[in-house]
Full PDB file with SEQRES, HELIX, SHEET, SSBOND, CRYST1, ORIGX, SCALE, CONECT and MASTER records, all heavy atoms in Angstrom:
SEQRES   1 A   39  PRO ARG PRO PRO VAL GLY ASP PRO SER HIS HIS TYR HIS          
SEQRES   2 A   39  PHE GLN VAL LEU ALA LEU ASP ILE LEU LEU GLN LEU PRO          
SEQRES   3 A   39  LEU GLY ALA ASN ARG ASP ASP VAL LEU ALA ALA ALA LYS          
HELIX    1 AA1 ARG A   31  ALA A   38  1                                   8    
CRYST1    1.000    1.000    1.000  90.00  90.00  90.00 P 1           1          
ORIGX1      1.000000  0.000000  0.000000        0.00000                         
ORIGX2      0.000000  1.000000  0.000000        0.00000                         
ORIGX3      0.000000  0.000000  1.000000        0.00000                         
SCALE1      1.000000  0.000000  0.000000        0.00000                         
SCALE2      0.000000  1.000000  0.000000        0.00000                         
SCALE3      0.000000  0.000000  1.000000        0.00000                         
ATOM      1  N   PRO A   1     302.074 174.025 155.834  1.00  0.00           N  
ATOM      2  CA  PRO A   1     301.313 175.277 155.759  1.00  0.00           C  
ATOM      3  C   PRO A   1     299.810 175.014 155.659  1.00  0.00           C  
ATOM      4  O   PRO A   1     299.364 174.127 154.924  1.00  0.00           O  
ATOM      5  CB  PRO A   1     301.840 175.932 154.484  1.00  0.00           C  
ATOM      6  CG  PRO A   1     303.226 175.382 154.330  1.00  0.00           C  
ATOM      7  CD  PRO A   1     303.145 173.966 154.825  1.00  0.00           C  
ATOM      8  N   ARG A   2     299.049 175.803 156.416  1.00  0.00           N  
ATOM      9  CA  ARG A   2     297.594 175.717 156.344  1.00  0.00           C  
ATOM     10  C   ARG A   2     296.991 177.088 156.652  1.00  0.00           C  
ATOM     11  O   ARG A   2     296.195 177.237 157.573  1.00  0.00           O  
ATOM     12  CB  ARG A   2     297.052 174.665 157.310  1.00  0.00           C  
ATOM     13  CG  ARG A   2     295.625 174.217 156.992  1.00  0.00           C  
ATOM     14  CD  ARG A   2     295.150 173.156 157.969  1.00  0.00           C  
ATOM     15  NE  ARG A   2     293.857 172.594 157.601  1.00  0.00           N  
ATOM     16  CZ  ARG A   2     292.670 173.148 157.887  1.00  0.00           C  
ATOM     17  NH1 ARG A   2     292.634 174.283 158.553  1.00  0.00           N  
ATOM     18  NH2 ARG A   2     291.540 172.572 157.515  1.00  0.00           N  
ATOM     19  N   PRO A   3     297.359 178.107 155.872  1.00  0.00           N  
ATOM     20  CA  PRO A   3     296.790 179.427 156.116  1.00  0.00           C  
ATOM     21  C   PRO A   3     295.322 179.450 155.728  1.00  0.00           C  
ATOM     22  O   PRO A   3     294.869 178.628 154.918  1.00  0.00           O  
ATOM     23  CB  PRO A   3     297.616 180.328 155.192  1.00  0.00           C  
ATOM     24  CG  PRO A   3     298.005 179.428 154.065  1.00  0.00           C  
ATOM     25  CD  PRO A   3     298.240 178.090 154.689  1.00  0.00           C  
ATOM     26  N   PRO A   4     294.536 180.348 156.301  1.00  0.00           N  
ATOM     27  CA  PRO A   4     293.128 180.449 155.897  1.00  0.00           C  
ATOM     28  C   PRO A   4     293.007 180.687 154.393  1.00  0.00           C  
ATOM     29  O   PRO A   4     293.821 181.400 153.788  1.00  0.00           O  
ATOM     30  CB  PRO A   4     292.616 181.648 156.693  1.00  0.00           C  
ATOM     31  CG  PRO A   4     293.522 181.739 157.872  1.00  0.00           C  
ATOM     32  CD  PRO A   4     294.866 181.303 157.375  1.00  0.00           C  
ATOM     33  N   VAL A   5     291.981 180.078 153.817  1.00  0.00           N  
ATOM     34  CA  VAL A   5     291.740 180.263 152.382  1.00  0.00           C  
ATOM     35  C   VAL A   5     291.549 181.743 152.087  1.00  0.00           C  
ATOM     36  O   VAL A   5     290.793 182.444 152.761  1.00  0.00           O  
ATOM     37  CB  VAL A   5     290.507 179.461 151.940  1.00  0.00           C  
ATOM     38  CG1 VAL A   5     290.151 179.771 150.481  1.00  0.00           C  
ATOM     39  CG2 VAL A   5     290.737 177.974 152.131  1.00  0.00           C  
ATOM     40  N   GLY A   6     292.271 182.243 151.066  1.00  0.00           N  
ATOM     41  CA  GLY A   6     292.149 183.638 150.658  1.00  0.00           C  
ATOM     42  C   GLY A   6     293.111 184.582 151.337  1.00  0.00           C  
ATOM     43  O   GLY A   6     293.217 185.749 150.938  1.00  0.00           O  
ATOM     44  N   ASP A   7     293.811 184.136 152.371  1.00  0.00           N  
ATOM     45  CA  ASP A   7     294.812 184.980 153.022  1.00  0.00           C  
ATOM     46  C   ASP A   7     295.920 185.338 152.041  1.00  0.00           C  
ATOM     47  O   ASP A   7     296.245 184.549 151.141  1.00  0.00           O  
ATOM     48  CB  ASP A   7     295.434 184.237 154.207  1.00  0.00           C  
ATOM     49  CG  ASP A   7     294.913 184.729 155.542  1.00  0.00           C  
ATOM     50  OD1 ASP A   7     293.808 185.310 155.561  1.00  0.00           O  
ATOM     51  OD2 ASP A   7     295.587 184.520 156.569  1.00  0.00           O  
ATOM     52  N   PRO A   8     296.539 186.510 152.196  1.00  0.00           N  
ATOM     53  CA  PRO A   8     297.771 186.770 151.448  1.00  0.00           C  
ATOM     54  C   PRO A   8     298.823 185.720 151.785  1.00  0.00           C  
ATOM     55  O   PRO A   8     298.711 185.012 152.804  1.00  0.00           O  
ATOM     56  CB  PRO A   8     298.194 188.160 151.934  1.00  0.00           C  
ATOM     57  CG  PRO A   8     296.961 188.771 152.498  1.00  0.00           C  
ATOM     58  CD  PRO A   8     296.149 187.642 153.052  1.00  0.00           C  
ATOM     59  N   SER A   9     299.846 185.624 150.972  1.00  0.00           N  
ATOM     60  CA  SER A   9     300.880 184.621 151.178  1.00  0.00           C  
ATOM     61  C   SER A   9     301.474 184.718 152.580  1.00  0.00           C  
ATOM     62  O   SER A   9     301.802 185.804 153.062  1.00  0.00           O  
ATOM     63  CB  SER A   9     301.997 184.786 150.145  1.00  0.00           C  
ATOM     64  OG  SER A   9     301.530 184.459 148.855  1.00  0.00           O  
ATOM     65  N   HIS A  10     301.558 183.556 153.239  1.00  0.00           N  
ATOM     66  CA  HIS A  10     302.262 183.465 154.513  1.00  0.00           C  
ATOM     67  C   HIS A  10     303.715 183.080 154.242  1.00  0.00           C  
ATOM     68  O   HIS A  10     304.019 182.412 153.247  1.00  0.00           O  
ATOM     69  CB  HIS A  10     301.616 182.418 155.409  1.00  0.00           C  
ATOM     70  CG  HIS A  10     300.326 182.861 156.026  1.00  0.00           C  
ATOM     71  ND1 HIS A  10     299.939 182.489 157.298  1.00  0.00           N  
ATOM     72  CD2 HIS A  10     299.323 183.646 155.554  1.00  0.00           C  
ATOM     73  CE1 HIS A  10     298.764 183.015 157.586  1.00  0.00           C  
ATOM     74  NE2 HIS A  10     298.366 183.725 156.527  1.00  0.00           N  
ATOM     75  N   HIS A  11     304.604 183.489 155.132  1.00  0.00           N  
ATOM     76  CA  HIS A  11     306.027 183.207 154.995  1.00  0.00           C  
ATOM     77  C   HIS A  11     306.432 182.153 156.015  1.00  0.00           C  
ATOM     78  O   HIS A  11     306.146 182.299 157.212  1.00  0.00           O  
ATOM     79  CB  HIS A  11     306.843 184.482 155.187  1.00  0.00           C  
ATOM     80  CG  HIS A  11     306.565 185.517 154.147  1.00  0.00           C  
ATOM     81  ND1 HIS A  11     305.412 186.305 154.165  1.00  0.00           N  
ATOM     82  CD2 HIS A  11     307.260 185.883 153.051  1.00  0.00           C  
ATOM     83  CE1 HIS A  11     305.422 187.115 153.124  1.00  0.00           C  
ATOM     84  NE2 HIS A  11     306.526 186.881 152.420  1.00  0.00           N  
ATOM     85  N   TYR A  12     307.102 181.110 155.543  1.00  0.00           N  
ATOM     86  CA  TYR A  12     307.498 179.989 156.387  1.00  0.00           C  
ATOM     87  C   TYR A  12     309.021 179.971 156.507  1.00  0.00           C  
ATOM     88  O   TYR A  12     309.727 179.761 155.514  1.00  0.00           O  
ATOM     89  CB  TYR A  12     306.935 178.681 155.820  1.00  0.00           C  
ATOM     90  CG  TYR A  12     305.423 178.715 155.834  1.00  0.00           C  
ATOM     91  CD1 TYR A  12     304.711 179.294 154.774  1.00  0.00           C  
ATOM     92  CD2 TYR A  12     304.707 178.262 156.930  1.00  0.00           C  
ATOM     93  CE1 TYR A  12     303.331 179.394 154.813  1.00  0.00           C  
ATOM     94  CE2 TYR A  12     303.322 178.345 156.974  1.00  0.00           C  
ATOM     95  CZ  TYR A  12     302.644 178.924 155.913  1.00  0.00           C  
ATOM     96  OH  TYR A  12     301.275 179.026 155.961  1.00  0.00           O  
ATOM     97  N   HIS A  13     309.495 180.215 157.709  1.00  0.00           N  
ATOM     98  CA  HIS A  13     310.923 180.342 157.979  1.00  0.00           C  
ATOM     99  C   HIS A  13     311.475 178.999 158.450  1.00  0.00           C  
ATOM    100  O   HIS A  13     311.220 178.564 159.584  1.00  0.00           O  
ATOM    101  CB  HIS A  13     311.168 181.418 159.033  1.00  0.00           C  
ATOM    102  CG  HIS A  13     310.826 182.797 158.569  1.00  0.00           C  
ATOM    103  ND1 HIS A  13     311.762 183.790 158.375  1.00  0.00           N  
ATOM    104  CD2 HIS A  13     309.629 183.357 158.241  1.00  0.00           C  
ATOM    105  CE1 HIS A  13     311.163 184.895 157.958  1.00  0.00           C  
ATOM    106  NE2 HIS A  13     309.860 184.649 157.869  1.00  0.00           N  
ATOM    107  N   PHE A  14     312.226 178.326 157.573  1.00  0.00           N  
ATOM    108  CA  PHE A  14     312.938 177.097 157.918  1.00  0.00           C  
ATOM    109  C   PHE A  14     314.286 177.524 158.496  1.00  0.00           C  
ATOM    110  O   PHE A  14     315.123 178.106 157.788  1.00  0.00           O  
ATOM    111  CB  PHE A  14     313.134 176.219 156.685  1.00  0.00           C  
ATOM    112  CG  PHE A  14     311.859 175.602 156.158  1.00  0.00           C  
ATOM    113  CD1 PHE A  14     310.904 176.383 155.508  1.00  0.00           C  
ATOM    114  CD2 PHE A  14     311.616 174.249 156.300  1.00  0.00           C  
ATOM    115  CE1 PHE A  14     309.733 175.817 155.016  1.00  0.00           C  
ATOM    116  CE2 PHE A  14     310.441 173.681 155.816  1.00  0.00           C  
ATOM    117  CZ  PHE A  14     309.495 174.462 155.175  1.00  0.00           C  
ATOM    118  N   GLN A  15     314.518 177.242 159.767  1.00  0.00           N  
ATOM    119  CA  GLN A  15     315.699 177.733 160.467  1.00  0.00           C  
ATOM    120  C   GLN A  15     316.505 176.566 161.014  1.00  0.00           C  
ATOM    121  O   GLN A  15     315.941 175.658 161.654  1.00  0.00           O  
ATOM    122  CB  GLN A  15     315.283 178.647 161.623  1.00  0.00           C  
ATOM    123  CG  GLN A  15     314.436 179.833 161.165  1.00  0.00           C  
ATOM    124  CD  GLN A  15     313.543 180.378 162.275  1.00  0.00           C  
ATOM    125  OE1 GLN A  15     313.897 181.333 162.947  1.00  0.00           O  
ATOM    126  NE2 GLN A  15     312.399 179.759 162.474  1.00  0.00           N  
ATOM    127  N   VAL A  16     317.792 176.565 160.751  1.00  0.00           N  
ATOM    128  CA  VAL A  16     318.662 175.497 161.220  1.00  0.00           C  
ATOM    129  C   VAL A  16     319.719 176.080 162.152  1.00  0.00           C  
ATOM    130  O   VAL A  16     320.246 177.176 161.920  1.00  0.00           O  
ATOM    131  CB  VAL A  16     319.314 174.742 160.038  1.00  0.00           C  
ATOM    132  CG1 VAL A  16     320.227 175.637 159.227  1.00  0.00           C  
ATOM    133  CG2 VAL A  16     320.055 173.512 160.527  1.00  0.00           C  
ATOM    134  N   LEU A  17     320.007 175.365 163.237  1.00  0.00           N  
ATOM    135  CA  LEU A  17     321.031 175.754 164.201  1.00  0.00           C  
ATOM    136  C   LEU A  17     322.040 174.614 164.320  1.00  0.00           C  
ATOM    137  O   LEU A  17     321.662 173.439 164.383  1.00  0.00           O  
ATOM    138  CB  LEU A  17     320.427 176.000 165.587  1.00  0.00           C  
ATOM    139  CG  LEU A  17     319.233 176.947 165.702  1.00  0.00           C  
ATOM    140  CD1 LEU A  17     318.709 176.945 167.143  1.00  0.00           C  
ATOM    141  CD2 LEU A  17     319.632 178.361 165.291  1.00  0.00           C  
ATOM    142  N   ALA A  18     323.322 174.953 164.361  1.00  0.00           N  
ATOM    143  CA  ALA A  18     324.373 173.985 164.650  1.00  0.00           C  
ATOM    144  C   ALA A  18     324.752 174.130 166.113  1.00  0.00           C  
ATOM    145  O   ALA A  18     325.027 175.241 166.586  1.00  0.00           O  
ATOM    146  CB  ALA A  18     325.587 174.228 163.762  1.00  0.00           C  
ATOM    147  N   LEU A  19     324.759 173.026 166.858  1.00  0.00           N  
ATOM    148  CA  LEU A  19     325.044 173.051 168.287  1.00  0.00           C  
ATOM    149  C   LEU A  19     326.300 172.246 168.599  1.00  0.00           C  
ATOM    150  O   LEU A  19     326.636 171.286 167.884  1.00  0.00           O  
ATOM    151  CB  LEU A  19     323.879 172.467 169.089  1.00  0.00           C  
ATOM    152  CG  LEU A  19     322.483 173.047 168.863  1.00  0.00           C  
ATOM    153  CD1 LEU A  19     321.499 172.396 169.835  1.00  0.00           C  
ATOM    154  CD2 LEU A  19     322.472 174.559 169.025  1.00  0.00           C  
ATOM    155  N   ASP A  20     326.951 172.597 169.712  1.00  0.00           N  
ATOM    156  CA  ASP A  20     328.137 171.854 170.147  1.00  0.00           C  
ATOM    157  C   ASP A  20     327.794 170.769 171.161  1.00  0.00           C  
ATOM    158  O   ASP A  20     328.685 170.188 171.789  1.00  0.00           O  
ATOM    159  CB  ASP A  20     329.191 172.805 170.719  1.00  0.00           C  
ATOM    160  CG  ASP A  20     328.715 173.538 171.969  1.00  0.00           C  
ATOM    161  OD1 ASP A  20     327.592 173.256 172.436  1.00  0.00           O  
ATOM    162  OD2 ASP A  20     329.472 174.394 172.469  1.00  0.00           O  
ATOM    163  N   ILE A  21     326.491 170.477 171.339  1.00  0.00           N  
ATOM    164  CA  ILE A  21     326.047 169.445 172.269  1.00  0.00           C  
ATOM    165  C   ILE A  21     324.862 168.686 171.679  1.00  0.00           C  
ATOM    166  O   ILE A  21     324.257 169.110 170.690  1.00  0.00           O  
ATOM    167  CB  ILE A  21     325.606 170.038 173.635  1.00  0.00           C  
ATOM    168  CG1 ILE A  21     324.428 171.019 173.444  1.00  0.00           C  
ATOM    169  CG2 ILE A  21     326.764 170.686 174.360  1.00  0.00           C  
ATOM    170  CD1 ILE A  21     323.756 171.398 174.740  1.00  0.00           C  
ATOM    171  N   LEU A  22     324.543 167.554 172.334  1.00  0.00           N  
ATOM    172  CA  LEU A  22     323.269 166.879 172.135  1.00  0.00           C  
ATOM    173  C   LEU A  22     322.338 167.335 173.250  1.00  0.00           C  
ATOM    174  O   LEU A  22     322.747 167.438 174.412  1.00  0.00           O  
ATOM    175  CB  LEU A  22     323.445 165.353 172.200  1.00  0.00           C  
ATOM    176  CG  LEU A  22     324.171 164.709 171.016  1.00  0.00           C  
ATOM    177  CD1 LEU A  22     324.513 163.260 171.352  1.00  0.00           C  
ATOM    178  CD2 LEU A  22     323.312 164.762 169.761  1.00  0.00           C  
ATOM    179  N   LEU A  23     321.105 167.647 172.921  1.00  0.00           N  
ATOM    180  CA  LEU A  23     320.166 168.177 173.901  1.00  0.00           C  
ATOM    181  C   LEU A  23     319.484 167.052 174.667  1.00  0.00           C  
ATOM    182  O   LEU A  23     319.100 166.030 174.090  1.00  0.00           O  
ATOM    183  CB  LEU A  23     319.111 169.039 173.214  1.00  0.00           C  
ATOM    184  CG  LEU A  23     319.629 170.251 172.434  1.00  0.00           C  
ATOM    185  CD1 LEU A  23     318.462 171.032 171.834  1.00  0.00           C  
ATOM    186  CD2 LEU A  23     320.471 171.160 173.328  1.00  0.00           C  
ATOM    187  N   GLN A  24     319.340 167.259 175.972  1.00  0.00           N  
ATOM    188  CA  GLN A  24     318.620 166.315 176.825  1.00  0.00           C  
ATOM    189  C   GLN A  24     317.258 166.924 177.146  1.00  0.00           C  
ATOM    190  O   GLN A  24     317.133 167.761 178.035  1.00  0.00           O  
ATOM    191  CB  GLN A  24     319.418 166.042 178.101  1.00  0.00           C  
ATOM    192  CG  GLN A  24     320.814 165.501 177.866  1.00  0.00           C  
ATOM    193  CD  GLN A  24     320.795 164.160 177.140  1.00  0.00           C  
ATOM    194  OE1 GLN A  24     319.974 163.286 177.454  1.00  0.00           O  
ATOM    195  NE2 GLN A  24     321.686 164.003 176.165  1.00  0.00           N  
ATOM    196  N   LEU A  25     316.263 166.514 176.405  1.00  0.00           N  
ATOM    197  CA  LEU A  25     314.931 167.093 176.530  1.00  0.00           C  
ATOM    198  C   LEU A  25     313.880 165.999 176.646  1.00  0.00           C  
ATOM    199  O   LEU A  25     314.081 164.887 176.137  1.00  0.00           O  
ATOM    200  CB  LEU A  25     314.616 167.975 175.308  1.00  0.00           C  
ATOM    201  CG  LEU A  25     315.423 169.267 175.179  1.00  0.00           C  
ATOM    202  CD1 LEU A  25     315.220 169.879 173.808  1.00  0.00           C  
ATOM    203  CD2 LEU A  25     315.011 170.250 176.263  1.00  0.00           C  
ATOM    204  N   PRO A  26     312.747 166.301 177.271  1.00  0.00           N  
ATOM    205  CA  PRO A  26     311.683 165.295 177.387  1.00  0.00           C  
ATOM    206  C   PRO A  26     310.972 165.080 176.066  1.00  0.00           C  
ATOM    207  O   PRO A  26     311.043 165.908 175.142  1.00  0.00           O  
ATOM    208  CB  PRO A  26     310.737 165.912 178.423  1.00  0.00           C  
ATOM    209  CG  PRO A  26     310.934 167.388 178.274  1.00  0.00           C  
ATOM    210  CD  PRO A  26     312.404 167.560 177.967  1.00  0.00           C  
ATOM    211  N   LEU A  27     310.269 163.960 175.970  1.00  0.00           N  
ATOM    212  CA  LEU A  27     309.405 163.720 174.825  1.00  0.00           C  
ATOM    213  C   LEU A  27     308.392 164.856 174.736  1.00  0.00           C  
ATOM    214  O   LEU A  27     307.874 165.337 175.741  1.00  0.00           O  
ATOM    215  CB  LEU A  27     308.664 162.393 174.973  1.00  0.00           C  
ATOM    216  CG  LEU A  27     309.524 161.129 175.061  1.00  0.00           C  
ATOM    217  CD1 LEU A  27     308.639 159.920 175.359  1.00  0.00           C  
ATOM    218  CD2 LEU A  27     310.299 160.919 173.773  1.00  0.00           C  
ATOM    219  N   GLY A  28     308.114 165.295 173.505  1.00  0.00           N  
ATOM    220  CA  GLY A  28     307.120 166.339 173.313  1.00  0.00           C  
ATOM    221  C   GLY A  28     307.608 167.741 173.618  1.00  0.00           C  
ATOM    222  O   GLY A  28     306.800 168.665 173.732  1.00  0.00           O  
ATOM    223  N   ALA A  29     308.921 167.931 173.758  1.00  0.00           N  
ATOM    224  CA  ALA A  29     309.452 169.274 174.008  1.00  0.00           C  
ATOM    225  C   ALA A  29     309.024 170.219 172.887  1.00  0.00           C  
ATOM    226  O   ALA A  29     308.866 169.818 171.731  1.00  0.00           O  
ATOM    227  CB  ALA A  29     310.970 169.225 174.115  1.00  0.00           C  
ATOM    228  N   ASN A  30     308.847 171.497 173.224  1.00  0.00           N  
ATOM    229  CA  ASN A  30     308.422 172.464 172.220  1.00  0.00           C  
ATOM    230  C   ASN A  30     309.575 173.394 171.828  1.00  0.00           C  
ATOM    231  O   ASN A  30     310.705 173.241 172.316  1.00  0.00           O  
ATOM    232  CB  ASN A  30     307.213 173.264 172.723  1.00  0.00           C  
ATOM    233  CG  ASN A  30     307.505 174.018 174.013  1.00  0.00           C  
ATOM    234  OD1 ASN A  30     308.628 174.482 174.255  1.00  0.00           O  
ATOM    235  ND2 ASN A  30     306.489 174.166 174.864  1.00  0.00           N  
ATOM    236  N   ARG A  31     309.292 174.324 170.965  1.00  0.00           N  
ATOM    237  CA  ARG A  31     310.317 175.252 170.478  1.00  0.00           C  
ATOM    238  C   ARG A  31     311.038 175.961 171.606  1.00  0.00           C  
ATOM    239  O   ARG A  31     312.272 176.057 171.619  1.00  0.00           O  
ATOM    240  CB  ARG A  31     309.666 176.290 169.549  1.00  0.00           C  
ATOM    241  CG  ARG A  31     310.593 177.427 169.104  1.00  0.00           C  
ATOM    242  CD  ARG A  31     309.792 178.658 168.731  1.00  0.00           C  
ATOM    243  NE  ARG A  31     308.940 179.080 169.830  1.00  0.00           N  
ATOM    244  CZ  ARG A  31     307.875 179.877 169.693  1.00  0.00           C  
ATOM    245  NH1 ARG A  31     307.544 180.318 168.502  1.00  0.00           N  
ATOM    246  NH2 ARG A  31     307.146 180.212 170.742  1.00  0.00           N  
ATOM    247  N   ASP A  32     310.275 176.468 172.582  1.00  0.00           N  
ATOM    248  CA  ASP A  32     310.899 177.225 173.664  1.00  0.00           C  
ATOM    249  C   ASP A  32     311.773 176.333 174.533  1.00  0.00           C  
ATOM    250  O   ASP A  32     312.812 176.777 175.045  1.00  0.00           O  
ATOM    251  CB  ASP A  32     309.824 177.915 174.505  1.00  0.00           C  
ATOM    252  CG  ASP A  32     309.124 179.026 173.728  1.00  0.00           C  
ATOM    253  OD1 ASP A  32     309.638 179.414 172.660  1.00  0.00           O  
ATOM    254  OD2 ASP A  32     308.061 179.484 174.177  1.00  0.00           O  
ATOM    255  N   ASP A  33     311.384 175.072 174.740  1.00  0.00           N  
ATOM    256  CA  ASP A  33     312.235 174.130 175.465  1.00  0.00           C  
ATOM    257  C   ASP A  33     313.560 173.937 174.738  1.00  0.00           C  
ATOM    258  O   ASP A  33     314.635 173.915 175.356  1.00  0.00           O  
ATOM    259  CB  ASP A  33     311.538 172.775 175.600  1.00  0.00           C  
ATOM    260  CG  ASP A  33     310.256 172.835 176.412  1.00  0.00           C  
ATOM    261  OD1 ASP A  33     310.177 173.645 177.349  1.00  0.00           O  
ATOM    262  OD2 ASP A  33     309.324 172.074 176.084  1.00  0.00           O  
ATOM    263  N   VAL A  34     313.479 173.775 173.415  1.00  0.00           N  
ATOM    264  CA  VAL A  34     314.677 173.554 172.611  1.00  0.00           C  
ATOM    265  C   VAL A  34     315.595 174.774 172.666  1.00  0.00           C  
ATOM    266  O   VAL A  34     316.816 174.647 172.868  1.00  0.00           O  
ATOM    267  CB  VAL A  34     314.298 173.218 171.156  1.00  0.00           C  
ATOM    268  CG1 VAL A  34     315.533 173.207 170.262  1.00  0.00           C  
ATOM    269  CG2 VAL A  34     313.582 171.875 171.090  1.00  0.00           C  
ATOM    270  N   LEU A  35     315.031 175.956 172.507  1.00  0.00           N  
ATOM    271  CA  LEU A  35     315.859 177.168 172.500  1.00  0.00           C  
ATOM    272  C   LEU A  35     316.509 177.412 173.857  1.00  0.00           C  
ATOM    273  O   LEU A  35     317.660 177.841 173.938  1.00  0.00           O  
ATOM    274  CB  LEU A  35     315.017 178.367 172.081  1.00  0.00           C  
ATOM    275  CG  LEU A  35     314.519 178.355 170.627  1.00  0.00           C  
ATOM    276  CD1 LEU A  35     313.728 179.622 170.321  1.00  0.00           C  
ATOM    277  CD2 LEU A  35     315.677 178.205 169.645  1.00  0.00           C  
ATOM    278  N   ALA A  36     315.775 177.141 174.934  1.00  0.00           N  
ATOM    279  CA  ALA A  36     316.359 177.319 176.260  1.00  0.00           C  
ATOM    280  C   ALA A  36     317.537 176.378 176.469  1.00  0.00           C  
ATOM    281  O   ALA A  36     318.566 176.772 177.043  1.00  0.00           O  
ATOM    282  CB  ALA A  36     315.290 177.082 177.330  1.00  0.00           C  
ATOM    283  N   ALA A  37     317.400 175.138 175.993  1.00  0.00           N  
ATOM    284  CA  ALA A  37     318.494 174.178 176.147  1.00  0.00           C  
ATOM    285  C   ALA A  37     319.666 174.482 175.221  1.00  0.00           C  
ATOM    286  O   ALA A  37     320.819 174.161 175.538  1.00  0.00           O  
ATOM    287  CB  ALA A  37     317.971 172.763 175.884  1.00  0.00           C  
ATOM    288  N   ALA A  38     319.385 175.104 174.076  1.00  0.00           N  
ATOM    289  CA  ALA A  38     320.433 175.403 173.091  1.00  0.00           C  
ATOM    290  C   ALA A  38     321.217 176.664 173.424  1.00  0.00           C  
ATOM    291  O   ALA A  38     322.310 176.887 172.870  1.00  0.00           O  
ATOM    292  CB  ALA A  38     319.802 175.537 171.706  1.00  0.00           C  
ATOM    293  N   LYS A  39     320.693 177.488 174.305  1.00  0.00           N  
ATOM    294  CA  LYS A  39     321.336 178.772 174.626  1.00  0.00           C  
ATOM    295  C   LYS A  39     322.784 178.570 175.061  1.00  0.00           C  
ATOM    296  O   LYS A  39     323.078 177.758 175.935  1.00  0.00           O  
ATOM    297  CB  LYS A  39     320.565 179.489 175.722  1.00  0.00           C  
ATOM    298  CG  LYS A  39     321.085 180.885 176.032  1.00  0.00           C  
ATOM    299  CD  LYS A  39     320.221 181.570 177.079  1.00  0.00           C  
ATOM    300  CE  LYS A  39     320.743 182.979 177.374  1.00  0.00           C  
ATOM    301  NZ  LYS A  39     319.897 183.662 178.393  1.00  0.00           N  
TER     302      LYS A  39                                                      
MASTER        0    0    0    1    0    0    0    6  301    1    0    3          
END                                                                             
């Protein structure tokens, strides 16, 4: 977390998914890459 100083509390959502496969993704894949492969 690194919210601006003085901001109201930010909420950090730690989310875990269980999958029935191992994902084949490139180095540096981002959240959207992961979700597309996990669909």
